[in-house]
Amino acid sequence: MEVTGKKFSTMKKIFTLLVCFLLMINIEAGRAQNGKPLALPSQQPVLIDDTHPESQRLAKENRDRQYASVLSVLSNLSEKQKKSIIRIEAKRDKKLKQTDELIALKMERLTALNASDLKDVKLMDITTNEISKLAIEKQKTEASAMKKIRSLLTKKQRIIFDNIK
């Protein structure tokens, strides 16, 4: 069996395309495995497998440290500053968690209203406004906590703190 020039050329093209395709798949798989680490724990996806206790523990830990701490960024804090910051962040986290839960409930309600056959536009608008107010309240809570923490810092620490965002 003799391979003619045309068949050889076609086979060469197919082989080249196949090699390129395999290289592309390998590169994409490598990127997926070695993605950039995310800055905040709240942005990291957590896969919950309820059959393994370790997965449940990791998911609970991730939920508990959902909000970023200033302590991980600032160094040279006195013990008094650390204790005050921990207290302020604990209050903030509690308030933010409550607000997040309310937002999630309102979002579920809005989704249910949107999915129903009888769409009550007025009720949907009211729910949307409530979600907006809760989001604003959440931003105010975060800003208030940041302002309190900033007031505890020295001038050098404030410069670092202001560049965190």
C-alpha atoms as a PDB file:
ATOM      1  CA  MET A   1       0.000   0.000   0.000  1.00  0.00           C
ATOM      2  CA  GLU A   2       1.426   3.259  -1.098  1.00  0.00           C
ATOM      3  CA  VAL A   3       0.609   6.591   0.520  1.00  0.00           C
ATOM      4  CA  THR A   4       0.133   9.260  -2.046  1.00  0.00           C
ATOM      5  CA  GLY A   5       1.245  12.844  -1.513  1.00  0.00           C
ATOM      6  CA  LYS A   6      -2.301  14.101  -0.969  1.00  0.00           C
ATOM      7  CA  LYS A   7      -3.151  11.460   1.635  1.00  0.00           C
ATOM      8  CA  PHE A   8       0.165  12.037   3.423  1.00  0.00           C
ATOM      9  CA  SER A   9      -0.441  15.781   3.506  1.00  0.00           C
ATOM     10  CA  THR A  10      -3.966  15.280   4.909  1.00  0.00           C
ATOM     11  CA  MET A  11      -2.689  12.831   7.525  1.00  0.00           C
ATOM     12  CA  LYS A  12       0.046  15.285   8.469  1.00  0.00           C
ATOM     13  CA  LYS A  13      -2.542  18.062   8.983  1.00  0.00           C
ATOM     14  CA  ILE A  14      -4.798  15.804  11.065  1.00  0.00           C
ATOM     15  CA  PHE A  15      -1.859  14.705  13.218  1.00  0.00           C
ATOM     16  CA  THR A  16      -0.754  18.313  13.742  1.00  0.00           C
ATOM     17  CA  LEU A  17      -4.288  19.362  14.726  1.00  0.00           C
ATOM     18  CA  LEU A  18      -4.557  16.420  17.102  1.00  0.00           C
ATOM     19  CA  VAL A  19      -1.266  17.312  18.815  1.00  0.00           C
ATOM     20  CA  CYS A  20      -2.331  20.971  19.132  1.00  0.00           C
ATOM     21  CA  PHE A  21      -5.685  19.923  20.572  1.00  0.00           C
ATOM     22  CA  LEU A  22      -4.023  17.672  23.159  1.00  0.00           C
ATOM     23  CA  LEU A  23      -1.599  20.447  24.136  1.00  0.00           C
ATOM     24  CA  MET A  24      -4.485  22.868  24.573  1.00  0.00           C
ATOM     25  CA  ILE A  25      -6.329  20.414  26.814  1.00  0.00           C
ATOM     26  CA  ASN A  26      -3.179  19.875  28.883  1.00  0.00           C
ATOM     27  CA  ILE A  27      -2.619  23.622  29.305  1.00  0.00           C
ATOM     28  CA  GLU A  28      -6.234  24.236  30.331  1.00  0.00           C
ATOM     29  CA  ALA A  29      -6.125  21.355  32.817  1.00  0.00           C
ATOM     30  CA  GLY A  30      -2.945  22.816  34.321  1.00  0.00           C
ATOM     31  CA  ARG A  31      -4.560  26.245  34.648  1.00  0.00           C
ATOM     32  CA  ALA A  32      -7.604  24.748  36.309  1.00  0.00           C
ATOM     33  CA  GLN A  33      -5.477  22.892  38.845  1.00  0.00           C
ATOM     34  CA  ASN A  34      -3.089  25.770  39.564  1.00  0.00           C
ATOM     35  CA  GLY A  35      -5.461  28.730  39.581  1.00  0.00           C
ATOM     36  CA  LYS A  36      -4.600  31.924  41.392  1.00  0.00           C
ATOM     37  CA  PRO A  37      -5.412  31.865  45.103  1.00  0.00           C
ATOM     38  CA  LEU A  38      -8.209  34.219  46.036  1.00  0.00           C
ATOM     39  CA  ALA A  39      -7.621  37.091  48.417  1.00  0.00           C
ATOM     40  CA  LEU A  40     -10.561  36.603  50.737  1.00  0.00           C
ATOM     41  CA  PRO A  41     -11.846  33.321  52.103  1.00  0.00           C
ATOM     42  CA  SER A  42     -15.389  34.397  51.299  1.00  0.00           C
ATOM     43  CA  GLN A  43     -14.525  34.319  47.609  1.00  0.00           C
ATOM     44  CA  GLN A  44     -13.234  30.763  47.673  1.00  0.00           C
ATOM     45  CA  PRO A  45     -15.740  28.115  46.631  1.00  0.00           C
ATOM     46  CA  VAL A  46     -16.287  25.346  49.146  1.00  0.00           C
ATOM     47  CA  LEU A  47     -17.538  21.990  48.009  1.00  0.00           C
ATOM     48  CA  ILE A  48     -19.729  20.453  50.650  1.00  0.00           C
ATOM     49  CA  ASP A  49     -19.848  16.684  50.689  1.00  0.00           C
ATOM     50  CA  ASP A  50     -22.152  15.819  53.558  1.00  0.00           C
ATOM     51  CA  THR A  51     -20.970  12.218  53.708  1.00  0.00           C
ATOM     52  CA  HIS A  52     -17.507  13.084  55.034  1.00  0.00           C
ATOM     53  CA  PRO A  53     -17.024  14.702  58.462  1.00  0.00           C
ATOM     54  CA  GLU A  54     -13.859  16.443  57.244  1.00  0.00           C
ATOM     55  CA  SER A  55     -15.809  18.176  54.451  1.00  0.00           C
ATOM     56  CA  GLN A  56     -18.428  19.321  56.943  1.00  0.00           C
ATOM     57  CA  ARG A  57     -15.737  20.681  59.275  1.00  0.00           C
ATOM     58  CA  LEU A  58     -13.994  22.571  56.445  1.00  0.00           C
ATOM     59  CA  ALA A  59     -17.279  24.050  55.223  1.00  0.00           C
ATOM     60  CA  LYS A  60     -18.140  25.196  58.755  1.00  0.00           C
ATOM     61  CA  GLU A  61     -14.682  26.767  59.192  1.00  0.00           C
ATOM     62  CA  ASN A  62     -15.061  28.605  55.878  1.00  0.00           C
ATOM     63  CA  ARG A  63     -18.465  29.965  56.895  1.00  0.00           C
ATOM     64  CA  ASP A  64     -17.048  31.081  60.233  1.00  0.00           C
ATOM     65  CA  ARG A  65     -14.190  33.040  58.665  1.00  0.00           C
ATOM     66  CA  GLN A  66     -16.225  34.523  55.887  1.00  0.00           C
ATOM     67  CA  TYR A  67     -15.146  38.102  56.578  1.00  0.00           C
ATOM     68  CA  ALA A  68     -11.560  39.259  56.206  1.00  0.00           C
ATOM     69  CA  SER A  69      -9.617  40.293  59.295  1.00  0.00           C
ATOM     70  CA  VAL A  70      -7.345  43.303  59.539  1.00  0.00           C
ATOM     71  CA  LEU A  71      -5.082  41.384  61.916  1.00  0.00           C
ATOM     72  CA  SER A  72      -3.759  39.259  59.059  1.00  0.00           C
ATOM     73  CA  VAL A  73      -2.502  42.351  57.219  1.00  0.00           C
ATOM     74  CA  LEU A  74      -1.296  44.691  59.931  1.00  0.00           C
ATOM     75  CA  SER A  75       1.804  43.875  61.914  1.00  0.00           C
ATOM     76  CA  ASN A  76       3.336  45.463  65.003  1.00  0.00           C
ATOM     77  CA  LEU A  77       0.021  45.803  66.790  1.00  0.00           C
ATOM     78  CA  SER A  78       0.026  46.119  70.548  1.00  0.00           C
ATOM     79  CA  GLU A  79      -1.954  43.652  72.639  1.00  0.00           C
ATOM     80  CA  LYS A  80      -4.500  46.357  73.450  1.00  0.00           C
ATOM     81  CA  GLN A  81      -4.968  47.116  69.739  1.00  0.00           C
ATOM     82  CA  LYS A  82      -5.334  43.409  68.913  1.00  0.00           C
ATOM     83  CA  LYS A  83      -7.976  42.868  71.590  1.00  0.00           C
ATOM     84  CA  SER A  84      -9.917  45.962  70.493  1.00  0.00           C
ATOM     85  CA  ILE A  85      -9.759  44.964  66.828  1.00  0.00           C
ATOM     86  CA  ILE A  86     -10.895  41.419  67.636  1.00  0.00           C
ATOM     87  CA  ARG A  87     -13.849  42.816  69.599  1.00  0.00           C
ATOM     88  CA  ILE A  88     -14.802  45.245  66.810  1.00  0.00           C
ATOM     89  CA  GLU A  89     -14.495  42.546  64.135  1.00  0.00           C
ATOM     90  CA  ALA A  90     -16.555  40.084  66.180  1.00  0.00           C
ATOM     91  CA  LYS A  91     -19.391  42.623  66.445  1.00  0.00           C
ATOM     92  CA  ARG A  92     -19.075  43.415  62.743  1.00  0.00           C
ATOM     93  CA  ASP A  93     -19.064  39.745  61.743  1.00  0.00           C
ATOM     94  CA  LYS A  94     -22.138  39.002  63.842  1.00  0.00           C
ATOM     95  CA  LYS A  95     -24.050  41.911  62.287  1.00  0.00           C
ATOM     96  CA  LEU A  96     -22.872  41.039  58.746  1.00  0.00           C
ATOM     97  CA  LYS A  97     -23.854  37.402  59.187  1.00  0.00           C
ATOM     98  CA  GLN A  98     -27.351  38.412  60.300  1.00  0.00           C
ATOM     99  CA  THR A  99     -27.667  40.806  57.367  1.00  0.00           C
ATOM    100  CA  ASP A 100     -26.412  38.164  54.915  1.00  0.00           C
ATOM    101  CA  GLU A 101     -28.983  35.694  56.217  1.00  0.00           C
ATOM    102  CA  LEU A 102     -31.764  38.271  55.789  1.00  0.00           C
ATOM    103  CA  ILE A 103     -30.588  39.045  52.267  1.00  0.00           C
ATOM    104  CA  ALA A 104     -30.564  35.324  51.438  1.00  0.00           C
ATOM    105  CA  LEU A 105     -34.133  34.960  52.744  1.00  0.00           C
ATOM    106  CA  LYS A 106     -35.312  37.965  50.733  1.00  0.00           C
ATOM    107  CA  MET A 107     -33.570  36.626  47.620  1.00  0.00           C
ATOM    108  CA  GLU A 108     -35.319  33.265  48.046  1.00  0.00           C
ATOM    109  CA  ARG A 109     -38.622  35.079  48.427  1.00  0.00           C
ATOM    110  CA  LEU A 110     -37.926  37.142  45.313  1.00  0.00           C
ATOM    111  CA  THR A 111     -37.012  34.009  43.363  1.00  0.00           C
ATOM    112  CA  ALA A 112     -40.215  32.311  44.498  1.00  0.00           C
ATOM    113  CA  LEU A 113     -42.269  35.369  43.529  1.00  0.00           C
ATOM    114  CA  ASN A 114     -40.604  35.488  40.141  1.00  0.00           C
ATOM    115  CA  ALA A 115     -41.218  31.786  39.535  1.00  0.00           C
ATOM    116  CA  SER A 116     -44.891  31.857  40.472  1.00  0.00           C
ATOM    117  CA  ASP A 117     -47.580  31.978  37.812  1.00  0.00           C
ATOM    118  CA  LEU A 118     -49.245  35.045  39.314  1.00  0.00           C
ATOM    119  CA  LYS A 119     -46.448  37.566  39.350  1.00  0.00           C
ATOM    120  CA  ASP A 120     -47.111  40.273  41.901  1.00  0.00           C
ATOM    121  CA  VAL A 121     -44.952  43.091  40.562  1.00  0.00           C
ATOM    122  CA  LYS A 122     -45.675  45.352  43.519  1.00  0.00           C
ATOM    123  CA  LEU A 123     -44.557  42.712  46.029  1.00  0.00           C
ATOM    124  CA  MET A 124     -41.475  41.995  43.908  1.00  0.00           C
ATOM    125  CA  ASP A 125     -40.580  45.702  43.951  1.00  0.00           C
ATOM    126  CA  ILE A 126     -41.014  45.862  47.729  1.00  0.00           C
ATOM    127  CA  THR A 127     -38.772  42.814  48.188  1.00  0.00           C
ATOM    128  CA  THR A 128     -36.147  44.277  45.852  1.00  0.00           C
ATOM    129  CA  ASN A 129     -36.155  47.533  47.832  1.00  0.00           C
ATOM    130  CA  GLU A 130     -35.757  45.583  51.093  1.00  0.00           C
ATOM    131  CA  ILE A 131     -32.747  43.754  49.623  1.00  0.00           C
ATOM    132  CA  SER A 132     -31.223  47.076  48.547  1.00  0.00           C
ATOM    133  CA  LYS A 133     -31.709  48.543  52.027  1.00  0.00           C
ATOM    134  CA  LEU A 134     -30.079  45.484  53.597  1.00  0.00           C
ATOM    135  CA  ALA A 135     -27.117  45.767  51.210  1.00  0.00           C
ATOM    136  CA  ILE A 136     -26.698  49.426  52.167  1.00  0.00           C
ATOM    137  CA  GLU A 137     -26.931  48.497  55.855  1.00  0.00           C
ATOM    138  CA  LYS A 138     -24.211  45.900  55.292  1.00  0.00           C
ATOM    139  CA  GLN A 139     -21.935  48.505  53.690  1.00  0.00           C
ATOM    140  CA  LYS A 140     -22.565  50.916  56.562  1.00  0.00           C
ATOM    141  CA  THR A 141     -21.671  48.213  59.093  1.00  0.00           C
ATOM    142  CA  GLU A 142     -18.414  47.479  57.282  1.00  0.00           C
ATOM    143  CA  ALA A 143     -17.540  51.172  56.981  1.00  0.00           C
ATOM    144  CA  SER A 144     -18.309  51.806  60.648  1.00  0.00           C
ATOM    145  CA  ALA A 145     -16.086  48.933  61.754  1.00  0.00           C
ATOM    146  CA  MET A 146     -13.258  50.124  59.503  1.00  0.00           C
ATOM    147  CA  LYS A 147     -13.567  53.642  60.922  1.00  0.00           C
ATOM    148  CA  LYS A 148     -13.399  52.318  64.499  1.00  0.00           C
ATOM    149  CA  ILE A 149     -10.380  50.150  63.691  1.00  0.00           C
ATOM    150  CA  ARG A 150      -8.638  53.019  61.908  1.00  0.00           C
ATOM    151  CA  SER A 151      -9.065  55.244  64.970  1.00  0.00           C
ATOM    152  CA  LEU A 152      -7.081  52.713  67.048  1.00  0.00           C
ATOM    153  CA  LEU A 153      -4.047  52.710  64.754  1.00  0.00           C
ATOM    154  CA  THR A 154      -0.864  54.756  64.775  1.00  0.00           C
ATOM    155  CA  LYS A 155       0.026  56.983  61.832  1.00  0.00           C
ATOM    156  CA  LYS A 156       2.273  54.347  60.186  1.00  0.00           C
ATOM    157  CA  GLN A 157      -0.323  51.640  60.685  1.00  0.00           C
ATOM    158  CA  ARG A 158      -3.011  53.888  59.166  1.00  0.00           C
ATOM    159  CA  ILE A 159      -0.970  54.271  55.989  1.00  0.00           C
ATOM    160  CA  ILE A 160      -0.788  50.485  55.608  1.00  0.00           C
ATOM    161  CA  PHE A 161      -4.453  50.128  56.593  1.00  0.00           C
ATOM    162  CA  ASP A 162      -5.571  52.675  53.992  1.00  0.00           C
ATOM    163  CA  ASN A 163      -3.761  50.769  51.244  1.00  0.00           C
ATOM    164  CA  ILE A 164      -5.413  47.431  52.089  1.00  0.00           C
ATOM    165  CA  LYS A 165      -8.503  47.890  49.929  1.00  0.00           C
END
